[in-house]
Amino acid sequence: KIARSRLLIVGAGGLGSPAALYLAAAGVGTLGLIDFDVVDASNLQRQLLHGTPDVGRSKLASAMDTLKRINPNVKLVPYETMLTSDNAFEILRDYSIVADGTDNFATRYLVNDACVLLGKTNVYGSIFRFEGQSSVFKVPDGPCYRCLYPAPPPPGLVPSCAEGGVLGVLPGIIGAVQAMETIKLILGQGDTLVGRLLLFDALGMRYRELKLRKDPDCPLCGAKRTITKLVDYKEFCGVGRPDTAAPGIPGIKEISVADLKGLLDAKADFDLIDVREPFEHEIARIPGARLMPLGTLEKRLSELEPKRRIVIHCKSGGRSRKACELLASKGFSDVTNVAGGILQWSQAIDPSVPRY
């Protein structure tokens, strides 16, 4: 059964690494892997598919080499692309089980929706800082991800693993759980996590379990579903390729990093505000930026001049957009978002600024 199985792993990062390593070692027949990113040095503490010599390489190429060394008999199918509503059906259609190793809500909802609409089993895992969770979403036998979280959080509210941090061992634990659940599903043995949510607290070294039931009003798998096609949540901060700027935002002015550098060089009169978290500011910063984390911004409005030009940046454009919208709603007349954030600044203006 294992040799005949066809599995897809979405993401060759923290969760995808241990899942792919163990599934390849187990001898699965066909293993698809989708990722579009490149290996960064900051990935190496948690993404064990890759090593120091792979920094700068395609994650997919690095992963393929590692998995071939582990088991050359596994048929590996690479998809070097971002998963979108345009290609999700085409890619997922050929696999019976999908292991979700994504690190953002946009792709997580996309994977779930595509699995439900195609009738595929979704082996879910999620990590953040010192905590992780896992479940198996198998419709109609159990609930789907939207039964647990009906709708995505507002843009910028929840940081990604790169922004919020994650203990490097944690994805190894949760990714191994995903691999174990996948093998149990292939074999048809054991009590899988269908209808259960496994919670892991690394600091307390405790596992807890919550029962999950199908939501009869679920917009995707409920009796009166309203979601019948795939949706891209492109507004999420950090979802796009890291080397691209954020798309235009209606009603909010944007500035390129090149234009921002021009303002700084000309010593123009404006406030440059960084709405990331303090630890992010310690990792990388744009000269002259004043730190005002998004969560504290509303309480600190008195520190800003309503009539003065204010330029706001974050990591890649999502949180700064939310900050711009907040200031505009409070009567600030001249607010501008930095397209692409400090990631774009690092790529286009100052490569010495660390990417994370």
Protein backbone atom coordinates (compact mmCIF):
# COMPACT_ATOMS: atom_id res chain seq x y z
CA LYS A 1 0.00 0.00 0.00
CA ILE A 2 2.80 2.40 0.84
CA ALA A 3 4.59 1.65 -2.45
CA ARG A 4 1.41 2.36 -4.40
CA SER A 5 0.55 5.58 -2.57
CA ARG A 6 0.49 9.04 -4.17
CA LEU A 7 1.08 11.91 -1.74
CA LEU A 8 1.55 15.65 -2.10
CA ILE A 9 3.37 17.89 0.38
CA VAL A 10 2.67 21.60 0.11
CA GLY A 11 5.80 23.43 1.24
CA ALA A 12 9.42 22.34 1.57
CA GLY A 13 10.00 24.31 4.77
CA GLY A 14 9.74 23.60 8.49
CA LEU A 15 6.83 21.14 8.39
CA GLY A 16 7.43 19.82 4.89
CA SER A 17 11.02 18.86 5.71
CA PRO A 18 10.39 16.17 8.37
CA ALA A 19 7.22 14.97 6.64
CA ALA A 20 9.02 14.52 3.32
CA LEU A 21 12.07 12.88 4.93
CA TYR A 22 10.05 10.26 6.78
CA LEU A 23 7.62 9.57 3.94
CA ALA A 24 10.44 9.13 1.44
CA ALA A 25 12.26 6.84 3.88
CA ALA A 26 9.05 4.84 4.33
CA GLY A 27 9.04 4.12 0.60
CA VAL A 28 5.95 5.95 -0.65
CA GLY A 29 5.39 5.36 -4.35
CA THR A 30 4.95 8.93 -5.60
CA LEU A 31 5.77 12.02 -3.60
CA GLY A 32 4.82 15.42 -5.00
CA LEU A 33 6.39 18.52 -3.50
CA ILE A 34 5.39 22.11 -4.17
CA ASP A 35 7.45 25.18 -3.26
CA PHE A 36 8.64 28.34 -5.03
CA ASP A 37 11.05 29.84 -2.48
CA VAL A 38 14.85 29.80 -2.19
CA VAL A 39 16.90 28.58 0.77
CA ASP A 40 17.89 31.32 3.20
CA ALA A 41 20.41 30.92 6.03
CA SER A 42 17.65 31.75 8.53
CA ASN A 43 15.74 28.64 7.37
CA LEU A 44 18.40 26.15 8.38
CA GLN A 45 17.54 25.85 12.09
CA ARG A 46 14.22 24.25 11.25
CA GLN A 47 14.18 23.16 7.57
CA LEU A 48 16.30 20.01 7.58
CA LEU A 49 15.81 19.22 3.90
CA HIS A 50 18.42 21.92 3.29
CA GLY A 51 21.98 22.57 4.43
CA THR A 52 24.46 25.43 4.43
CA PRO A 53 25.70 24.68 0.85
CA ASP A 54 22.09 25.07 -0.35
CA VAL A 55 21.72 28.72 0.71
CA GLY A 56 20.56 30.66 -2.33
CA ARG A 57 19.37 27.53 -4.17
CA SER A 58 15.81 26.68 -5.02
CA LYS A 59 14.21 24.91 -2.06
CA LEU A 60 12.66 22.45 -4.44
CA ALA A 61 15.99 21.53 -6.08
CA SER A 62 17.61 21.18 -2.65
CA ALA A 63 14.74 19.01 -1.40
CA MET A 64 14.83 16.76 -4.46
CA ASP A 65 18.56 16.08 -3.99
CA THR A 66 18.11 15.26 -0.30
CA LEU A 67 15.17 12.94 -0.85
CA LYS A 68 16.89 11.10 -3.70
CA ARG A 69 19.83 10.37 -1.40
CA ILE A 70 17.45 8.94 1.20
CA ASN A 71 15.45 6.76 -1.19
CA PRO A 72 16.15 6.77 -4.94
CA ASN A 73 13.19 4.45 -5.52
CA VAL A 74 10.58 7.09 -4.65
CA LYS A 75 9.13 8.87 -7.69
CA LEU A 76 9.52 12.57 -6.93
CA VAL A 77 7.29 15.11 -8.69
CA PRO A 78 8.41 18.73 -8.21
CA TYR A 79 6.12 21.75 -8.64
CA GLU A 80 8.22 24.91 -8.52
CA THR A 81 5.33 27.34 -8.34
CA MET A 82 3.12 29.13 -5.87
CA LEU A 83 -0.12 27.28 -5.20
CA THR A 84 -2.99 29.46 -6.44
CA SER A 85 -6.66 29.14 -7.26
CA ASP A 86 -5.64 28.76 -10.93
CA ASN A 87 -3.43 25.69 -10.47
CA ALA A 88 -4.59 24.05 -7.21
CA PHE A 89 -7.13 21.68 -8.79
CA GLU A 90 -4.70 20.62 -11.51
CA ILE A 91 -1.92 19.85 -9.02
CA LEU A 92 -3.95 18.21 -6.22
CA ARG A 93 -6.12 16.12 -8.53
CA ASP A 94 -3.52 13.35 -8.96
CA TYR A 95 -2.96 12.73 -5.24
CA SER A 96 -5.07 10.95 -2.64
CA ILE A 97 -3.54 12.60 0.45
CA VAL A 98 -2.23 16.16 0.82
CA ALA A 99 0.07 17.11 3.72
CA ASP A 100 -0.24 20.82 4.41
CA GLY A 101 3.16 22.23 5.36
CA THR A 102 2.32 25.87 4.67
CA ASP A 103 3.11 28.76 7.00
CA ASN A 104 0.43 31.28 6.06
CA PHE A 105 -3.34 31.45 6.22
CA ALA A 106 -3.90 32.25 2.56
CA THR A 107 -2.39 28.98 1.30
CA ARG A 108 -3.79 27.01 4.22
CA TYR A 109 -7.36 27.96 3.30
CA LEU A 110 -6.62 27.32 -0.36
CA VAL A 111 -5.30 23.81 0.38
CA ASN A 112 -8.31 23.03 2.57
CA ASP A 113 -10.85 24.32 0.05
CA ALA A 114 -9.25 22.45 -2.85
CA CYS A 115 -9.10 19.21 -0.83
CA VAL A 116 -12.77 19.43 0.14
CA LEU A 117 -13.94 20.27 -3.37
CA LEU A 118 -11.83 17.44 -4.85
CA GLY A 119 -12.60 14.93 -2.09
CA LYS A 120 -8.97 14.65 -0.93
CA THR A 121 -7.70 14.04 2.61
CA ASN A 122 -5.85 16.98 4.18
CA VAL A 123 -3.22 16.20 6.83
CA TYR A 124 -2.89 19.51 8.64
CA GLY A 125 -0.10 20.92 10.76
CA SER A 126 0.60 24.37 12.14
CA ILE A 127 3.34 25.85 14.35
CA PHE A 128 4.03 29.14 16.11
CA ARG A 129 6.78 29.99 18.58
CA PHE A 130 6.58 27.14 21.14
CA GLU A 131 3.24 25.59 20.19
CA GLY A 132 1.95 23.34 17.42
CA GLN A 133 -1.21 21.59 16.34
CA SER A 134 -2.23 18.86 13.93
CA SER A 135 -5.39 17.22 12.62
CA VAL A 136 -6.73 15.28 9.66
CA PHE A 137 -9.50 16.90 7.65
CA LYS A 138 -11.37 14.22 5.75
CA VAL A 139 -14.75 15.14 4.33
CA PRO A 140 -17.38 13.65 4.60
CA ASP A 141 -16.02 11.47 7.44
CA GLY A 142 -15.08 14.49 9.56
CA PRO A 143 -14.78 18.27 9.66
CA CYS A 144 -12.65 20.50 7.44
CA TYR A 145 -10.34 23.35 8.40
CA ARG A 146 -13.17 25.86 8.01
CA CYS A 147 -15.21 23.98 10.61
CA LEU A 148 -12.40 24.90 13.01
CA TYR A 149 -11.65 28.39 11.64
CA PRO A 150 -14.54 29.53 9.41
CA ALA A 151 -12.76 32.57 7.97
CA PRO A 152 -9.20 33.93 7.80
CA PRO A 153 -8.12 36.55 10.34
CA PRO A 154 -7.84 40.17 9.20
CA PRO A 155 -4.68 40.96 7.22
CA GLY A 156 -1.67 41.72 9.43
CA LEU A 157 -3.26 40.45 12.64
CA VAL A 158 -1.32 37.19 12.90
CA PRO A 159 2.43 37.16 12.13
CA SER A 160 4.02 34.39 10.12
CA CYS A 161 6.60 32.02 11.59
CA ALA A 162 9.37 34.20 10.18
CA GLU A 163 7.88 37.28 11.87
CA GLY A 164 6.80 35.67 15.14
CA GLY A 165 9.60 33.15 15.49
CA VAL A 166 9.50 29.40 16.04
CA LEU A 167 11.61 27.00 18.08
CA GLY A 168 13.48 24.99 15.44
CA VAL A 169 12.71 21.55 16.93
CA LEU A 170 8.95 22.22 16.98
CA PRO A 171 8.27 21.74 13.25
CA GLY A 172 10.20 18.48 13.45
CA ILE A 173 7.73 17.20 16.04
CA ILE A 174 4.58 18.37 14.26
CA GLY A 175 5.89 17.37 10.81
CA ALA A 176 6.62 13.88 12.15
CA VAL A 177 3.04 13.69 13.45
CA GLN A 178 1.83 14.58 9.95
CA ALA A 179 4.01 11.85 8.44
CA MET A 180 2.70 9.31 10.96
CA GLU A 181 -0.93 10.25 10.26
CA THR A 182 -0.28 10.00 6.52
CA ILE A 183 1.13 6.49 6.83
CA LYS A 184 -1.81 5.42 9.02
CA LEU A 185 -4.21 6.75 6.39
CA ILE A 186 -2.37 4.85 3.64
CA LEU A 187 -2.48 1.60 5.62
CA GLY A 188 -6.02 2.09 6.88
CA GLN A 189 -4.84 1.28 10.40
CA GLY A 190 -5.02 2.97 13.75
CA ASP A 191 -7.07 5.85 15.10
CA THR A 192 -6.30 8.90 12.97
CA LEU A 193 -6.80 12.53 13.95
CA VAL A 194 -10.04 12.82 11.97
CA GLY A 195 -12.40 14.70 14.29
CA ARG A 196 -9.61 15.52 16.73
CA LEU A 197 -7.22 18.46 17.11
CA LEU A 198 -3.87 17.58 18.70
CA LEU A 199 -2.26 20.50 20.57
CA PHE A 200 1.40 20.45 21.59
CA ASP A 201 3.04 22.78 24.11
CA ALA A 202 6.81 22.49 23.76
CA LEU A 203 7.66 24.54 26.86
CA GLY A 204 5.44 22.39 29.07
CA MET A 205 6.09 19.23 27.03
CA ARG A 206 2.36 18.50 27.04
CA TYR A 207 -0.03 17.13 24.47
CA ARG A 208 -3.72 17.96 24.68
CA GLU A 209 -6.61 16.91 22.48
CA LEU A 210 -9.79 18.67 21.47
CA LYS A 211 -12.77 17.06 19.78
CA LEU A 212 -13.71 18.55 16.42
CA ARG A 213 -17.16 18.17 14.98
CA LYS A 214 -18.45 19.04 11.56
CA ASP A 215 -20.05 22.46 11.56
CA PRO A 216 -23.49 22.08 9.94
CA ASP A 217 -23.23 25.73 8.91
CA CYS A 218 -19.71 25.43 7.49
CA PRO A 219 -19.60 27.54 4.32
CA LEU A 220 -17.53 24.86 2.57
CA CYS A 221 -18.60 21.40 3.76
CA GLY A 222 -21.92 22.18 5.50
CA ALA A 223 -25.41 21.34 4.31
CA LYS A 224 -25.87 24.78 2.74
CA ARG A 225 -22.40 25.57 1.52
CA THR A 226 -21.72 28.94 0.00
CA ILE A 227 -18.13 28.33 -1.13
CA THR A 228 -18.17 26.45 -4.41
CA LYS A 229 -14.93 27.67 -6.00
CA LEU A 230 -11.40 28.54 -4.93
CA VAL A 231 -10.43 31.97 -3.63
CA ASP A 232 -6.99 33.57 -3.41
CA TYR A 233 -6.38 35.62 -0.27
CA LYS A 234 -3.73 37.81 -1.86
CA GLU A 235 -4.09 40.58 0.69
CA PHE A 236 -2.17 38.68 3.36
CA CYS A 237 1.20 40.08 4.39
CA GLY A 238 4.06 37.84 3.26
CA VAL A 239 1.99 35.54 1.01
CA GLY A 240 3.47 36.66 -2.28
CA ARG A 241 6.97 35.89 -3.47
CA PRO A 242 9.46 37.54 -1.13
CA ASP A 243 11.08 39.41 -4.02
CA THR A 244 7.92 41.18 -5.16
CA ALA A 245 6.33 44.36 -3.94
CA ALA A 246 2.83 44.46 -2.52
CA PRO A 247 0.08 45.18 -5.07
CA GLY A 248 -1.55 48.57 -5.22
CA ILE A 249 -3.97 49.32 -2.39
CA PRO A 250 -7.08 51.32 -3.28
CA GLY A 251 -7.40 54.49 -1.22
CA ILE A 252 -3.92 54.26 0.30
CA LYS A 253 -0.89 55.87 -1.34
CA GLU A 254 2.16 53.71 -1.91
CA ILE A 255 5.81 54.51 -2.38
CA SER A 256 8.55 52.31 -3.83
CA VAL A 257 11.69 51.62 -1.84
CA ALA A 258 13.66 53.54 -4.47
CA ASP A 259 11.51 56.62 -3.90
CA LEU A 260 11.82 56.17 -0.15
CA LYS A 261 15.61 56.15 -0.46
CA GLY A 262 15.33 59.36 -2.50
CA LEU A 263 13.37 61.02 0.31
CA LEU A 264 15.91 59.89 2.90
CA ASP A 265 18.87 61.04 0.80
CA ALA A 266 17.21 64.43 0.27
CA LYS A 267 16.55 64.70 4.01
CA ALA A 268 12.89 65.36 3.27
CA ASP A 269 10.53 66.32 6.10
CA PHE A 270 8.52 63.20 6.95
CA ASP A 271 8.07 60.53 9.64
CA LEU A 272 9.23 57.02 8.74
CA ILE A 273 7.41 54.54 10.97
CA ASP A 274 8.23 50.82 11.36
CA VAL A 275 5.16 48.87 12.57
CA ARG A 276 6.92 45.50 13.01
CA GLU A 277 7.64 43.88 16.36
CA PRO A 278 10.68 44.94 18.46
CA PHE A 279 12.60 41.72 17.80
CA GLU A 280 12.13 42.22 14.04
CA HIS A 281 13.49 45.74 14.37
CA GLU A 282 16.55 44.29 16.07
CA ILE A 283 17.13 41.89 13.18
CA ALA A 284 16.82 44.43 10.37
CA ARG A 285 15.94 48.10 10.06
CA ILE A 286 15.78 50.97 7.61
CA PRO A 287 17.90 53.93 8.79
CA GLY A 288 15.81 56.67 10.36
CA ALA A 289 12.74 54.51 10.97
CA ARG A 290 10.95 54.91 14.30
CA LEU A 291 9.55 51.71 15.83
CA MET A 292 5.82 51.77 16.65
CA PRO A 293 4.48 48.17 16.54
CA LEU A 294 1.07 47.85 14.94
CA GLY A 295 -0.53 46.57 18.14
CA THR A 296 0.49 49.72 20.02
CA LEU A 297 -0.08 52.25 17.24
CA GLU A 298 -3.59 53.37 18.18
CA LYS A 299 -2.49 54.16 21.73
CA ARG A 300 0.47 56.20 20.47
CA LEU A 301 -1.28 58.44 17.96
CA SER A 302 -0.45 61.48 20.10
CA GLU A 303 3.21 60.95 19.17
CA LEU A 304 2.42 61.69 15.51
CA GLU A 305 1.53 64.97 13.80
CA PRO A 306 -1.78 64.63 11.88
CA LYS A 307 -0.75 67.12 9.18
CA ARG A 308 2.80 65.86 8.63
CA ARG A 309 3.68 63.33 5.97
CA ILE A 310 3.94 59.82 7.44
CA VAL A 311 5.53 56.90 5.59
CA ILE A 312 5.00 53.43 7.07
CA HIS A 313 6.75 50.13 6.45
CA CYS A 314 6.64 46.57 7.82
CA LYS A 315 8.19 43.34 6.60
CA SER A 316 6.50 43.11 3.20
CA GLY A 317 3.55 45.52 3.10
CA GLY A 318 0.54 44.04 4.88
CA ARG A 319 0.83 45.38 8.41
CA SER A 320 1.93 48.78 7.14
CA ARG A 321 -1.17 48.93 4.97
CA LYS A 322 -3.32 48.21 8.01
CA ALA A 323 -1.47 50.97 9.89
CA CYS A 324 -2.08 53.41 7.02
CA GLU A 325 -5.78 52.60 7.06
CA LEU A 326 -5.89 53.15 10.83
CA LEU A 327 -4.20 56.55 10.60
CA ALA A 328 -6.40 57.61 7.69
CA SER A 329 -9.50 56.71 9.71
CA LYS A 330 -8.20 58.89 12.57
CA GLY A 331 -7.86 61.99 10.42
CA PHE A 332 -4.20 61.77 9.37
CA SER A 333 -4.19 63.41 5.96
CA ASP A 334 -0.89 62.25 4.42
CA VAL A 335 -0.03 58.58 5.00
CA THR A 336 1.93 56.40 2.59
CA ASN A 337 2.64 52.66 2.55
CA VAL A 338 6.07 51.32 1.53
CA ALA A 339 5.42 48.68 -1.15
CA GLY A 340 7.26 45.46 -0.43
CA GLY A 341 8.46 46.60 3.00
CA ILE A 342 11.92 45.95 4.35
CA LEU A 343 12.25 42.75 2.29
CA GLN A 344 12.09 44.84 -0.86
CA TRP A 345 14.46 47.39 0.67
CA SER A 346 16.98 44.61 1.33
CA GLN A 347 16.72 43.29 -2.21
CA ALA A 348 16.63 46.52 -4.18
CA ILE A 349 18.44 49.09 -2.02
CA ASP A 350 20.69 47.61 0.68
CA PRO A 351 21.57 43.89 0.50
CA SER A 352 23.40 44.18 3.82
CA VAL A 353 20.03 44.43 5.57
CA PRO A 354 19.24 40.85 6.74
CA ARG A 355 16.27 39.02 5.23
CA TYR A 356 14.30 36.88 7.69
